[in-house]
């Protein structure tokens, strides 16, 4: 019995090591989910500390999902603000708008208050969801301590590649924009063009 228990513990440890080893070293090496695939289930946390299943959030209506590095990133903050300027048009097309980062709920609240965002921010501090999306990679050494602090100790050294997904209520990816260069983001105008095209396509189907 002791040998069996030892074997189970050993196999579990080896599995965890493989999972860490599989995390890409560079943003350019990620393998994100593709168009037509379904996003994984997971638990995301609101700025007020409430936990919600991903399917419970995205199952309500078609979703524009923003993935950003955190409120410490000026490029992310600028993009969040730019997308907010198009929020009313996004909503009028029948979509909801959410954003996910490794920041802790407390830091989400700070970002929300500083930038007066109207849409919902969610925390994935330990990266379970972002890793399952195929967006996570090993963070540079210079960011390690900061990321751990901003996640209340839950982020053990990963960063997500910024991305934008359009998802239907079943969780299927209808569109994605992913760029390893974190300084380059999809514009609000191009995103609106994509959403209009998707709406027209659905109307003609």
N, C-alpha and C. Protein backbone atom coordinates (compact mmCIF):
# COMPACT_ATOMS: atom_id res chain seq x y z
N UNK A 1 0.84 -1.21 0.00
CA UNK A 1 0.00 0.00 0.00
C UNK A 1 0.87 1.25 0.00
N UNK A 2 1.96 1.21 0.83
CA UNK A 2 2.87 2.35 0.90
C UNK A 2 3.56 2.58 -0.44
N UNK A 3 3.92 1.48 -1.13
CA UNK A 3 4.57 1.60 -2.43
C UNK A 3 3.62 2.23 -3.45
N UNK A 4 2.34 1.83 -3.38
CA UNK A 4 1.34 2.37 -4.30
C UNK A 4 1.15 3.87 -4.05
N UNK A 5 1.07 4.25 -2.77
CA UNK A 5 0.91 5.66 -2.42
C UNK A 5 2.11 6.47 -2.89
N UNK A 6 3.31 5.90 -2.71
CA UNK A 6 4.53 6.59 -3.15
C UNK A 6 4.52 6.78 -4.67
N UNK A 7 4.07 5.75 -5.37
CA UNK A 7 4.02 5.81 -6.83
C UNK A 7 3.05 6.90 -7.30
N UNK A 8 1.88 6.99 -6.63
CA UNK A 8 0.89 8.02 -6.99
C UNK A 8 1.46 9.41 -6.77
N UNK A 9 2.12 9.60 -5.61
CA UNK A 9 2.73 10.90 -5.30
C UNK A 9 3.80 11.23 -6.33
N UNK A 10 4.63 10.24 -6.70
CA UNK A 10 5.70 10.45 -7.66
C UNK A 10 5.15 10.83 -9.03
N UNK A 11 4.12 10.12 -9.48
CA UNK A 11 3.51 10.40 -10.78
C UNK A 11 2.88 11.79 -10.80
N UNK A 12 2.25 12.18 -9.68
CA UNK A 12 1.65 13.51 -9.59
C UNK A 12 2.71 14.58 -9.69
N UNK A 13 3.83 14.38 -8.98
CA UNK A 13 4.93 15.35 -9.01
C UNK A 13 5.52 15.46 -10.41
N UNK A 14 5.68 14.32 -11.08
CA UNK A 14 6.23 14.33 -12.44
C UNK A 14 5.30 15.06 -13.39
N UNK A 15 3.98 14.87 -13.20
CA UNK A 15 3.00 15.55 -14.04
C UNK A 15 3.09 17.06 -13.86
N UNK A 16 3.26 17.49 -12.61
CA UNK A 16 3.37 18.92 -12.34
C UNK A 16 4.63 19.49 -12.95
N UNK A 17 5.73 18.74 -12.89
CA UNK A 17 6.99 19.19 -13.49
C UNK A 17 6.84 19.35 -14.99
N UNK A 18 6.16 18.38 -15.63
CA UNK A 18 5.95 18.46 -17.07
C UNK A 18 5.11 19.67 -17.43
N UNK A 19 4.10 19.97 -16.60
CA UNK A 19 3.23 21.11 -16.87
C UNK A 19 4.03 22.40 -16.85
N UNK A 20 4.92 22.56 -15.85
CA UNK A 20 5.75 23.75 -15.76
C UNK A 20 6.71 23.81 -16.93
N UNK A 21 7.29 22.64 -17.28
CA UNK A 21 8.26 22.60 -18.36
C UNK A 21 7.63 22.95 -19.70
N UNK A 22 6.33 22.69 -19.83
CA UNK A 22 5.66 22.94 -21.09
C UNK A 22 5.33 24.42 -21.29
N UNK A 23 5.48 25.23 -20.25
CA UNK A 23 5.22 26.66 -20.38
C UNK A 23 6.30 27.26 -21.26
N UNK A 24 5.92 27.86 -22.39
CA UNK A 24 6.93 28.39 -23.32
C UNK A 24 7.83 29.44 -22.66
N UNK A 25 9.05 29.49 -23.13
CA UNK A 25 10.01 30.46 -22.59
C UNK A 25 9.77 31.85 -23.16
N UNK A 26 9.23 31.93 -24.38
CA UNK A 26 9.06 33.22 -25.05
C UNK A 26 7.63 33.38 -25.55
N UNK A 27 7.21 34.63 -25.68
CA UNK A 27 5.86 34.92 -26.17
C UNK A 27 5.64 34.35 -27.56
N UNK A 28 6.71 34.35 -28.35
CA UNK A 28 6.60 33.86 -29.73
C UNK A 28 6.35 32.36 -29.82
N UNK A 29 6.54 31.64 -28.70
CA UNK A 29 6.44 30.18 -28.72
C UNK A 29 5.11 29.63 -28.21
N UNK A 30 4.17 30.51 -27.89
CA UNK A 30 2.89 30.03 -27.36
C UNK A 30 2.10 29.27 -28.43
N UNK A 31 1.18 28.43 -27.98
CA UNK A 31 0.29 27.68 -28.89
C UNK A 31 -1.15 27.93 -28.47
N UNK A 32 -1.71 29.08 -28.86
CA UNK A 32 -3.06 29.44 -28.41
C UNK A 32 -4.14 28.61 -29.08
N UNK A 33 -5.30 28.60 -28.46
CA UNK A 33 -6.46 27.97 -29.08
C UNK A 33 -6.76 28.68 -30.40
N UNK A 34 -7.36 27.97 -31.32
CA UNK A 34 -7.58 28.50 -32.66
C UNK A 34 -9.05 28.77 -32.93
N UNK A 35 -9.28 29.49 -34.00
CA UNK A 35 -10.63 29.75 -34.49
C UNK A 35 -11.40 28.44 -34.62
N UNK A 36 -12.61 28.41 -34.09
CA UNK A 36 -13.43 27.21 -34.16
C UNK A 36 -13.32 26.31 -32.95
N UNK A 37 -12.29 26.50 -32.14
CA UNK A 37 -12.15 25.71 -30.91
C UNK A 37 -12.96 26.36 -29.79
N UNK A 38 -13.18 25.60 -28.73
CA UNK A 38 -13.93 26.12 -27.59
C UNK A 38 -12.97 26.51 -26.47
N UNK A 39 -13.28 27.63 -25.82
CA UNK A 39 -12.45 28.04 -24.70
C UNK A 39 -12.68 27.09 -23.53
N UNK A 40 -11.68 26.93 -22.66
CA UNK A 40 -11.80 25.99 -21.55
C UNK A 40 -12.67 26.53 -20.42
N UNK A 41 -13.15 25.62 -19.61
CA UNK A 41 -13.85 26.03 -18.40
C UNK A 41 -12.81 26.51 -17.39
N UNK A 42 -13.22 27.34 -16.48
CA UNK A 42 -12.32 27.85 -15.46
C UNK A 42 -13.09 28.71 -14.48
N UNK A 43 -12.39 29.19 -13.47
CA UNK A 43 -12.98 30.08 -12.48
C UNK A 43 -12.27 31.42 -12.54
N UNK A 44 -13.04 32.48 -12.74
CA UNK A 44 -12.51 33.84 -12.75
C UNK A 44 -13.11 34.61 -11.57
N UNK A 45 -12.35 35.58 -11.06
CA UNK A 45 -12.75 36.30 -9.86
C UNK A 45 -12.95 37.78 -10.15
N UNK A 46 -14.03 38.33 -9.64
CA UNK A 46 -14.34 39.74 -9.84
C UNK A 46 -13.51 40.61 -8.88
N UNK A 47 -13.49 41.93 -9.10
CA UNK A 47 -12.78 42.82 -8.18
C UNK A 47 -13.31 42.72 -6.75
N UNK A 48 -14.55 42.29 -6.58
CA UNK A 48 -15.14 42.15 -5.25
C UNK A 48 -14.91 40.77 -4.64
N UNK A 49 -14.13 39.93 -5.34
CA UNK A 49 -13.79 38.62 -4.80
C UNK A 49 -14.79 37.52 -5.08
N UNK A 50 -15.75 37.77 -5.96
CA UNK A 50 -16.73 36.74 -6.29
C UNK A 50 -16.19 35.85 -7.41
N UNK A 51 -16.36 34.53 -7.24
CA UNK A 51 -15.89 33.57 -8.24
C UNK A 51 -17.01 33.19 -9.19
N UNK A 52 -16.67 33.13 -10.48
CA UNK A 52 -17.65 32.76 -11.50
C UNK A 52 -17.03 31.78 -12.49
N UNK A 53 -17.82 30.79 -12.91
CA UNK A 53 -17.37 29.91 -13.98
C UNK A 53 -17.30 30.69 -15.29
N UNK A 54 -16.31 30.37 -16.10
CA UNK A 54 -16.18 31.02 -17.41
C UNK A 54 -17.44 30.82 -18.23
N UNK A 55 -17.97 29.61 -18.23
CA UNK A 55 -19.19 29.32 -19.01
C UNK A 55 -20.38 30.11 -18.51
N UNK A 56 -20.40 30.39 -17.21
CA UNK A 56 -21.49 31.19 -16.66
C UNK A 56 -21.43 32.64 -17.10
N UNK A 57 -20.21 33.11 -17.38
CA UNK A 57 -20.02 34.49 -17.84
C UNK A 57 -20.30 34.60 -19.34
N UNK A 58 -19.68 33.73 -20.12
CA UNK A 58 -19.75 33.83 -21.58
C UNK A 58 -21.01 33.18 -22.15
N UNK A 59 -21.73 32.39 -21.32
CA UNK A 59 -22.93 31.72 -21.82
C UNK A 59 -24.14 32.64 -21.90
N UNK A 60 -24.03 33.85 -21.34
CA UNK A 60 -25.17 34.76 -21.32
C UNK A 60 -25.42 35.42 -22.67
N UNK A 61 -24.35 35.81 -23.34
CA UNK A 61 -24.46 36.43 -24.66
C UNK A 61 -23.10 36.38 -25.34
N UNK A 62 -23.04 36.57 -26.66
CA UNK A 62 -21.74 36.59 -27.34
C UNK A 62 -20.80 37.57 -26.63
N UNK A 63 -19.52 37.21 -26.57
CA UNK A 63 -18.58 37.93 -25.72
C UNK A 63 -17.34 38.38 -26.48
N UNK A 64 -16.93 39.62 -26.21
CA UNK A 64 -15.61 40.09 -26.61
C UNK A 64 -14.73 39.96 -25.37
N UNK A 65 -13.74 39.07 -25.44
CA UNK A 65 -12.86 38.78 -24.32
C UNK A 65 -11.49 39.40 -24.57
N UNK A 66 -11.11 40.33 -23.70
CA UNK A 66 -9.78 40.94 -23.77
C UNK A 66 -8.88 40.25 -22.75
N UNK A 67 -7.70 39.87 -23.18
CA UNK A 67 -6.69 39.34 -22.26
C UNK A 67 -5.56 40.36 -22.20
N UNK A 68 -5.24 40.82 -20.98
CA UNK A 68 -4.17 41.81 -20.86
C UNK A 68 -3.20 41.42 -19.75
N UNK A 69 -2.02 42.04 -19.76
CA UNK A 69 -0.95 41.63 -18.86
C UNK A 69 -1.17 42.08 -17.42
N UNK A 70 -1.83 43.21 -17.23
CA UNK A 70 -2.08 43.72 -15.89
C UNK A 70 -2.15 45.22 -15.88
N UNK A 71 -2.67 45.77 -14.79
CA UNK A 71 -2.82 47.21 -14.69
C UNK A 71 -1.51 47.97 -14.60
N UNK A 72 -0.40 47.25 -14.44
CA UNK A 72 0.93 47.87 -14.40
C UNK A 72 1.45 48.19 -15.80
N UNK A 73 0.82 47.63 -16.82
CA UNK A 73 1.31 47.75 -18.21
C UNK A 73 0.65 48.93 -18.91
N UNK A 74 1.40 49.97 -19.27
CA UNK A 74 0.80 51.16 -19.90
C UNK A 74 0.15 50.85 -21.25
N UNK A 75 0.69 49.89 -22.01
CA UNK A 75 0.10 49.53 -23.29
C UNK A 75 -1.28 48.90 -23.07
N UNK A 76 -1.38 48.07 -22.01
CA UNK A 76 -2.66 47.43 -21.69
C UNK A 76 -3.69 48.47 -21.27
N UNK A 77 -3.28 49.40 -20.42
CA UNK A 77 -4.21 50.43 -19.95
C UNK A 77 -4.71 51.30 -21.10
N UNK A 78 -3.81 51.62 -22.03
CA UNK A 78 -4.21 52.41 -23.19
C UNK A 78 -5.20 51.65 -24.05
N UNK A 79 -4.98 50.34 -24.20
CA UNK A 79 -5.88 49.53 -25.03
C UNK A 79 -7.24 49.36 -24.36
N UNK A 80 -7.23 49.12 -23.05
CA UNK A 80 -8.50 49.01 -22.32
C UNK A 80 -9.33 50.27 -22.48
N UNK A 81 -8.66 51.43 -22.40
CA UNK A 81 -9.36 52.71 -22.54
C UNK A 81 -9.89 52.90 -23.95
N UNK A 82 -9.09 52.49 -24.94
CA UNK A 82 -9.52 52.66 -26.33
C UNK A 82 -10.74 51.79 -26.63
N UNK A 83 -10.72 50.56 -26.14
CA UNK A 83 -11.86 49.66 -26.36
C UNK A 83 -13.10 50.19 -25.65
N UNK A 84 -12.91 50.80 -24.49
CA UNK A 84 -14.07 51.35 -23.79
C UNK A 84 -14.76 52.42 -24.61
N UNK A 85 -14.00 53.18 -25.39
CA UNK A 85 -14.61 54.23 -26.21
C UNK A 85 -15.57 53.64 -27.24
N UNK A 86 -15.37 52.37 -27.57
CA UNK A 86 -16.25 51.71 -28.54
C UNK A 86 -17.27 50.80 -27.86
N UNK A 87 -17.31 50.87 -26.53
CA UNK A 87 -18.15 49.93 -25.78
C UNK A 87 -19.63 50.02 -26.16
N UNK A 88 -20.15 51.23 -26.28
CA UNK A 88 -21.58 51.38 -26.59
C UNK A 88 -21.91 50.73 -27.93
N UNK A 89 -21.02 50.88 -28.91
CA UNK A 89 -21.24 50.26 -30.22
C UNK A 89 -21.14 48.74 -30.13
N UNK A 90 -20.19 48.26 -29.30
CA UNK A 90 -20.04 46.81 -29.11
C UNK A 90 -21.30 46.23 -28.48
N UNK A 91 -21.82 46.92 -27.48
CA UNK A 91 -23.04 46.45 -26.81
C UNK A 91 -24.24 46.48 -27.75
N UNK A 92 -24.31 47.52 -28.59
CA UNK A 92 -25.44 47.64 -29.51
C UNK A 92 -25.45 46.52 -30.54
N UNK A 93 -24.30 45.92 -30.78
CA UNK A 93 -24.21 44.80 -31.72
C UNK A 93 -24.57 43.46 -31.05
N UNK A 94 -24.87 43.53 -29.75
CA UNK A 94 -25.32 42.33 -29.05
C UNK A 94 -24.25 41.59 -28.28
N UNK A 95 -23.09 42.22 -28.09
CA UNK A 95 -21.99 41.58 -27.38
C UNK A 95 -21.82 42.16 -25.98
N UNK A 96 -21.27 41.34 -25.08
CA UNK A 96 -20.80 41.86 -23.81
C UNK A 96 -19.27 41.95 -23.88
N UNK A 97 -18.69 42.74 -23.01
CA UNK A 97 -17.26 43.01 -23.03
C UNK A 97 -16.67 42.67 -21.67
N UNK A 98 -15.65 41.79 -21.65
CA UNK A 98 -14.97 41.45 -20.40
C UNK A 98 -13.47 41.45 -20.63
N UNK A 99 -12.70 41.59 -19.55
CA UNK A 99 -11.24 41.57 -19.65
C UNK A 99 -10.66 40.73 -18.52
N UNK A 100 -9.63 39.94 -18.84
CA UNK A 100 -9.02 39.02 -17.88
C UNK A 100 -7.52 39.28 -17.81
N UNK A 101 -6.98 39.29 -16.58
CA UNK A 101 -5.53 39.43 -16.39
C UNK A 101 -5.10 38.64 -15.15
N UNK A 102 -3.79 38.51 -14.92
CA UNK A 102 -3.31 37.82 -13.72
C UNK A 102 -3.36 38.69 -12.46
N UNK A 103 -3.78 39.94 -12.57
CA UNK A 103 -3.87 40.80 -11.39
C UNK A 103 -4.82 40.22 -10.35
N UNK A 104 -4.53 40.49 -9.09
CA UNK A 104 -5.44 40.09 -8.01
C UNK A 104 -6.71 40.90 -8.09
N UNK A 105 -7.80 40.44 -7.45
CA UNK A 105 -9.04 41.22 -7.43
C UNK A 105 -8.83 42.64 -6.92
N UNK A 106 -7.98 42.80 -5.91
CA UNK A 106 -7.73 44.12 -5.35
C UNK A 106 -7.10 45.05 -6.39
N UNK A 107 -6.17 44.52 -7.17
CA UNK A 107 -5.53 45.34 -8.20
C UNK A 107 -6.46 45.60 -9.37
N UNK A 108 -7.38 44.68 -9.63
CA UNK A 108 -8.41 44.94 -10.65
C UNK A 108 -9.24 46.15 -10.24
N UNK A 109 -9.57 46.19 -8.97
CA UNK A 109 -10.39 47.29 -8.46
C UNK A 109 -9.68 48.63 -8.64
N UNK A 110 -8.36 48.63 -8.42
CA UNK A 110 -7.57 49.85 -8.61
C UNK A 110 -7.58 50.28 -10.07
N UNK A 111 -7.39 49.32 -10.99
CA UNK A 111 -7.44 49.62 -12.42
C UNK A 111 -8.79 50.17 -12.82
N UNK A 112 -9.83 49.53 -12.31
CA UNK A 112 -11.20 49.95 -12.61
C UNK A 112 -11.45 51.39 -12.17
N UNK A 113 -11.01 51.70 -10.95
CA UNK A 113 -11.25 53.04 -10.40
C UNK A 113 -10.41 54.11 -11.10
N UNK A 114 -9.17 53.77 -11.43
CA UNK A 114 -8.27 54.75 -12.07
C UNK A 114 -8.71 55.09 -13.48
N UNK A 115 -9.20 54.08 -14.21
CA UNK A 115 -9.53 54.29 -15.62
C UNK A 115 -11.03 54.36 -15.88
N UNK A 116 -11.83 54.20 -14.81
CA UNK A 116 -13.29 54.34 -14.90
C UNK A 116 -13.88 53.48 -16.02
N UNK A 117 -13.51 52.21 -15.98
CA UNK A 117 -13.99 51.27 -17.00
C UNK A 117 -15.42 50.86 -16.68
N UNK A 118 -16.21 50.72 -17.72
CA UNK A 118 -17.61 50.32 -17.55
C UNK A 118 -17.79 48.81 -17.64
N UNK A 119 -16.87 48.14 -18.33
CA UNK A 119 -17.04 46.70 -18.52
C UNK A 119 -16.37 45.91 -17.39
N UNK A 120 -16.59 44.61 -17.38
CA UNK A 120 -16.17 43.77 -16.25
C UNK A 120 -14.74 43.28 -16.38
N UNK A 121 -13.98 43.42 -15.29
CA UNK A 121 -12.63 42.89 -15.19
C UNK A 121 -12.65 41.63 -14.34
N UNK A 122 -11.84 40.65 -14.73
CA UNK A 122 -11.77 39.40 -13.97
C UNK A 122 -10.31 39.02 -13.72
N UNK A 123 -10.09 38.39 -12.57
CA UNK A 123 -8.76 37.94 -12.18
C UNK A 123 -8.58 36.45 -12.44
N UNK A 124 -7.43 36.10 -13.02
CA UNK A 124 -6.99 34.71 -13.13
C UNK A 124 -5.56 34.68 -12.58
N UNK A 125 -5.46 34.95 -11.28
CA UNK A 125 -4.16 35.21 -10.66
C UNK A 125 -3.19 34.03 -10.76
N UNK A 126 -3.69 32.80 -10.66
CA UNK A 126 -2.78 31.66 -10.75
C UNK A 126 -2.59 31.18 -12.19
N UNK A 127 -3.32 31.78 -13.13
CA UNK A 127 -3.11 31.50 -14.55
C UNK A 127 -3.73 30.23 -15.07
N UNK A 128 -4.58 29.58 -14.31
CA UNK A 128 -5.17 28.31 -14.77
C UNK A 128 -5.90 28.47 -16.09
N UNK A 129 -6.74 29.48 -16.19
CA UNK A 129 -7.51 29.71 -17.41
C UNK A 129 -6.61 30.19 -18.55
N UNK A 130 -5.73 31.14 -18.27
CA UNK A 130 -4.87 31.70 -19.32
C UNK A 130 -3.89 30.66 -19.87
N UNK A 131 -3.44 29.77 -19.01
CA UNK A 131 -2.56 28.69 -19.48
C UNK A 131 -3.34 27.72 -20.37
N UNK A 132 -4.59 27.41 -19.95
CA UNK A 132 -5.42 26.51 -20.74
C UNK A 132 -5.78 27.12 -22.09
N UNK A 133 -5.81 28.45 -22.17
CA UNK A 133 -6.04 29.14 -23.43
C UNK A 133 -4.82 29.11 -24.34
N UNK A 134 -3.68 28.69 -23.78
CA UNK A 134 -2.44 28.63 -24.56
C UNK A 134 -1.76 29.97 -24.73
N UNK A 135 -2.04 30.91 -23.82
CA UNK A 135 -1.52 32.27 -23.95
C UNK A 135 -0.35 32.58 -23.02
N UNK A 136 -0.07 31.69 -22.06
CA UNK A 136 0.92 31.99 -21.03
C UNK A 136 2.33 31.56 -21.44
N UNK A 137 3.31 32.31 -20.96
CA UNK A 137 4.72 31.98 -21.16
C UNK A 137 5.50 32.43 -19.94
N UNK A 138 6.74 31.94 -19.81
CA UNK A 138 7.57 32.31 -18.68
C UNK A 138 7.88 33.80 -18.72
N UNK A 139 7.57 34.49 -17.63
CA UNK A 139 7.83 35.93 -17.57
C UNK A 139 9.33 36.19 -17.43
N UNK A 140 9.82 37.30 -18.00
CA UNK A 140 11.22 37.67 -17.80
C UNK A 140 11.54 37.80 -16.31
N UNK A 141 12.76 37.53 -15.95
CA UNK A 141 13.17 37.56 -14.55
C UNK A 141 12.86 38.90 -13.89
N UNK A 142 12.99 39.99 -14.64
CA UNK A 142 12.78 41.33 -14.06
C UNK A 142 11.33 41.56 -13.62
N UNK A 143 10.41 40.75 -14.14
CA UNK A 143 8.99 40.92 -13.79
C UNK A 143 8.52 39.97 -12.68
N UNK A 144 9.34 38.99 -12.31
CA UNK A 144 8.89 37.91 -11.45
C UNK A 144 8.32 38.40 -10.11
N UNK A 145 9.07 39.19 -9.39
CA UNK A 145 8.63 39.64 -8.07
C UNK A 145 7.40 40.54 -8.16
N UNK A 146 7.39 41.42 -9.16
CA UNK A 146 6.26 42.32 -9.34
C UNK A 146 4.98 41.53 -9.63
N UNK A 147 5.06 40.53 -10.50
CA UNK A 147 3.90 39.72 -10.84
C UNK A 147 3.39 38.94 -9.63
N UNK A 148 4.32 38.43 -8.84
CA UNK A 148 3.93 37.70 -7.63
C UNK A 148 3.19 38.62 -6.67
N UNK A 149 3.70 39.85 -6.53
CA UNK A 149 3.08 40.82 -5.64
C UNK A 149 1.69 41.22 -6.12
N UNK A 150 1.56 41.47 -7.41
CA UNK A 150 0.29 41.95 -7.96
C UNK A 150 -0.79 40.87 -7.99
N UNK A 151 -0.37 39.62 -7.83
CA UNK A 151 -1.34 38.52 -7.80
C UNK A 151 -1.57 37.98 -6.40
N UNK A 152 -1.07 38.70 -5.40
CA UNK A 152 -1.14 38.23 -4.01
C UNK A 152 -0.47 36.88 -3.84
N UNK A 153 0.67 36.73 -4.52
CA UNK A 153 1.48 35.53 -4.37
C UNK A 153 1.07 34.34 -5.20
N UNK A 154 0.05 34.48 -6.03
CA UNK A 154 -0.46 33.34 -6.80
C UNK A 154 0.24 33.15 -8.15
N UNK A 155 0.78 34.21 -8.71
CA UNK A 155 1.45 34.11 -10.01
C UNK A 155 2.90 33.70 -9.78
N UNK A 156 3.23 32.49 -10.22
CA UNK A 156 4.57 31.97 -10.01
C UNK A 156 5.45 32.14 -11.24
N UNK A 157 5.26 33.26 -11.93
CA UNK A 157 6.20 33.58 -12.99
C UNK A 157 5.72 33.43 -14.41
N UNK A 158 4.46 33.74 -14.68
CA UNK A 158 3.99 33.68 -16.06
C UNK A 158 3.41 35.03 -16.48
N UNK A 159 3.38 35.24 -17.78
CA UNK A 159 2.71 36.39 -18.38
C UNK A 159 1.82 35.87 -19.50
N UNK A 160 0.67 36.50 -19.73
CA UNK A 160 -0.13 36.15 -20.90
C UNK A 160 0.23 37.05 -22.07
N UNK A 161 0.19 36.51 -23.27
CA UNK A 161 0.29 37.34 -24.46
C UNK A 161 -1.05 38.06 -24.62
N UNK A 162 -1.04 39.39 -24.75
CA UNK A 162 -2.31 40.11 -24.92
C UNK A 162 -3.09 39.58 -26.12
N UNK A 163 -4.40 39.50 -25.97
CA UNK A 163 -5.22 38.92 -27.03
C UNK A 163 -6.65 39.45 -26.95
N UNK A 164 -7.35 39.32 -28.06
CA UNK A 164 -8.78 39.63 -28.12
C UNK A 164 -9.48 38.46 -28.80
N UNK A 165 -10.51 37.95 -28.13
CA UNK A 165 -11.30 36.86 -28.69
C UNK A 165 -12.75 37.30 -28.81
N UNK A 166 -13.41 36.83 -29.85
CA UNK A 166 -14.86 36.95 -29.95
C UNK A 166 -15.40 35.54 -29.83
N UNK A 167 -16.32 35.35 -28.88
CA UNK A 167 -16.78 34.01 -28.51
C UNK A 167 -18.31 33.97 -28.53
N UNK A 168 -18.87 32.89 -29.07
CA UNK A 168 -20.34 32.77 -29.01
C UNK A 168 -20.76 32.17 -27.67
N UNK A 169 -22.05 32.02 -27.45
CA UNK A 169 -22.54 31.58 -26.15
C UNK A 169 -22.20 30.12 -25.82
N UNK A 170 -21.77 29.36 -26.81
CA UNK A 170 -21.33 27.98 -26.54
C UNK A 170 -19.84 27.91 -26.20
N UNK A 171 -19.17 29.08 -26.28
CA UNK A 171 -17.75 29.12 -25.97
C UNK A 171 -16.85 28.93 -27.19
N UNK A 172 -17.44 28.87 -28.38
CA UNK A 172 -16.66 28.69 -29.60
C UNK A 172 -16.02 30.00 -30.04
N UNK A 173 -14.76 29.93 -30.41
CA UNK A 173 -14.02 31.12 -30.85
C UNK A 173 -14.40 31.46 -32.29
N UNK A 174 -14.93 32.66 -32.48
CA UNK A 174 -15.35 33.13 -33.80
C UNK A 174 -14.29 34.01 -34.45
N UNK A 175 -13.45 34.61 -33.61
CA UNK A 175 -12.38 35.49 -34.09
C UNK A 175 -11.35 35.63 -32.98
N UNK A 176 -10.09 35.81 -33.38
CA UNK A 176 -9.06 36.08 -32.39
C UNK A 176 -7.97 36.97 -32.98
N UNK A 177 -7.42 37.80 -32.12
CA UNK A 177 -6.25 38.61 -32.48
C UNK A 177 -5.22 38.42 -31.38
N UNK A 178 -4.08 37.84 -31.73
CA UNK A 178 -3.03 37.54 -30.76
C UNK A 178 -1.70 38.00 -31.36
N UNK A 179 -0.97 38.82 -30.62
CA UNK A 179 0.31 39.31 -31.12
C UNK A 179 1.35 39.25 -30.00
N UNK A 180 2.43 38.46 -30.20
CA UNK A 180 3.47 38.38 -29.17
C UNK A 180 4.11 39.73 -28.86
N UNK A 181 4.01 40.67 -29.77
CA UNK A 181 4.52 42.02 -29.52
C UNK A 181 3.46 42.78 -28.72
N UNK A 182 3.69 42.89 -27.41
CA UNK A 182 2.66 43.46 -26.53
C UNK A 182 2.36 44.93 -26.81
N UNK A 183 3.20 45.59 -27.59
CA UNK A 183 2.97 47.00 -27.90
C UNK A 183 2.01 47.18 -29.08
N UNK A 184 1.68 46.09 -29.75
CA UNK A 184 0.79 46.15 -30.91
C UNK A 184 -0.55 45.50 -30.58
N UNK A 185 -1.63 46.26 -30.66
CA UNK A 185 -2.96 45.77 -30.31
C UNK A 185 -3.94 46.02 -31.45
N UNK A 186 -5.02 45.27 -31.46
CA UNK A 186 -6.07 45.50 -32.45
C UNK A 186 -6.78 46.81 -32.10
N UNK A 187 -7.04 47.63 -33.09
CA UNK A 187 -7.70 48.91 -32.85
C UNK A 187 -9.19 48.69 -32.60
N UNK A 188 -9.80 49.65 -31.93
CA UNK A 188 -11.24 49.58 -31.69
C UNK A 188 -12.01 49.58 -33.01
N UNK A 189 -11.52 50.35 -33.99
CA UNK A 189 -12.18 50.41 -35.29
C UNK A 189 -12.18 49.08 -36.00
N UNK A 190 -11.02 48.39 -35.98
CA UNK A 190 -10.94 47.09 -36.64
C UNK A 190 -11.80 46.06 -35.91
N UNK A 191 -11.82 46.12 -34.58
CA UNK A 191 -12.65 45.21 -33.81
C UNK A 191 -14.13 45.40 -34.16
N UNK A 192 -14.56 46.64 -34.26
CA UNK A 192 -15.96 46.91 -34.62
C UNK A 192 -16.27 46.39 -36.02
N UNK A 193 -15.32 46.52 -36.94
CA UNK A 193 -15.52 46.00 -38.29
C UNK A 193 -15.70 44.48 -38.26
N UNK A 194 -14.92 43.82 -37.43
CA UNK A 194 -15.03 42.36 -37.28
C UNK A 194 -16.40 41.98 -36.72
N UNK A 195 -16.82 42.69 -35.68
CA UNK A 195 -18.11 42.39 -35.05
C UNK A 195 -19.28 42.62 -36.00
N UNK A 196 -19.20 43.68 -36.80
CA UNK A 196 -20.24 43.93 -37.79
C UNK A 196 -20.28 42.83 -38.84
N UNK A 197 -19.10 42.39 -39.25
CA UNK A 197 -19.02 41.32 -40.25
C UNK A 197 -19.61 40.02 -39.69
N UNK A 198 -19.31 39.72 -38.43
CA UNK A 198 -19.86 38.51 -37.81
C UNK A 198 -21.38 38.60 -37.69
N UNK A 199 -21.87 39.78 -37.34
CA UNK A 199 -23.31 39.96 -37.22
C UNK A 199 -24.00 39.79 -38.57
N UNK A 200 -23.40 40.37 -39.62
CA UNK A 200 -23.97 40.21 -40.96
C UNK A 200 -23.95 38.76 -41.42
N UNK A 201 -22.89 38.07 -41.09
CA UNK A 201 -22.77 36.65 -41.46
C UNK A 201 -23.85 35.84 -40.79
N UNK A 202 -24.06 36.10 -39.49
CA UNK A 202 -25.08 35.35 -38.74
C UNK A 202 -26.48 35.66 -39.27
N UNK A 203 -26.69 36.90 -39.70
CA UNK A 203 -28.00 37.29 -40.22
C UNK A 203 -28.30 36.59 -41.54
N UNK A 204 -27.24 36.29 -42.30
CA UNK A 204 -27.41 35.67 -43.61
C UNK A 204 -27.45 34.14 -43.54
N UNK A 205 -27.01 33.60 -42.42
CA UNK A 205 -26.98 32.13 -42.28
C UNK A 205 -28.39 31.56 -42.11
